[in-house]
């Protein structure tokens, strides 16, 4: 059996680098560890952290193909962030003109959660602890 320690990072390819960079840093509040422009690939790689933990690699590539999205589509279902207060989270999103789905209740845990979409329609979940 493999001996895994933790998830190291999540890689996301975006269609508009500046828009996604702004979303992940200014809306979600992730901090930039390192930004690299790779001339040979005409591509950016942005390393992002949450609470000082390396978490997301945001990539740009020229003309990336579209991917089917939605939390019930085949493949990676969504990216989920834990939050302390769902009402404050939704209020913040509303103030930033980001539409969230109606709050749902997890049938197993009884916890509240909601979804938004990043600039490329990647489902982002907020799950209240």
Foldseek 3Di string as FASTA:
>chain_A
DDDDDDDQEAEEEDADVVQLVCCCCVVVNWDWPDWDQDVVQRKIWTFTHDPPGTYYTYMYGPPDDADDAAQPDPDDRAAEDEDADPVVSVVSCVVVVWDKDPWDADPVPRWIKIWTAGPSGGIYMYTHD
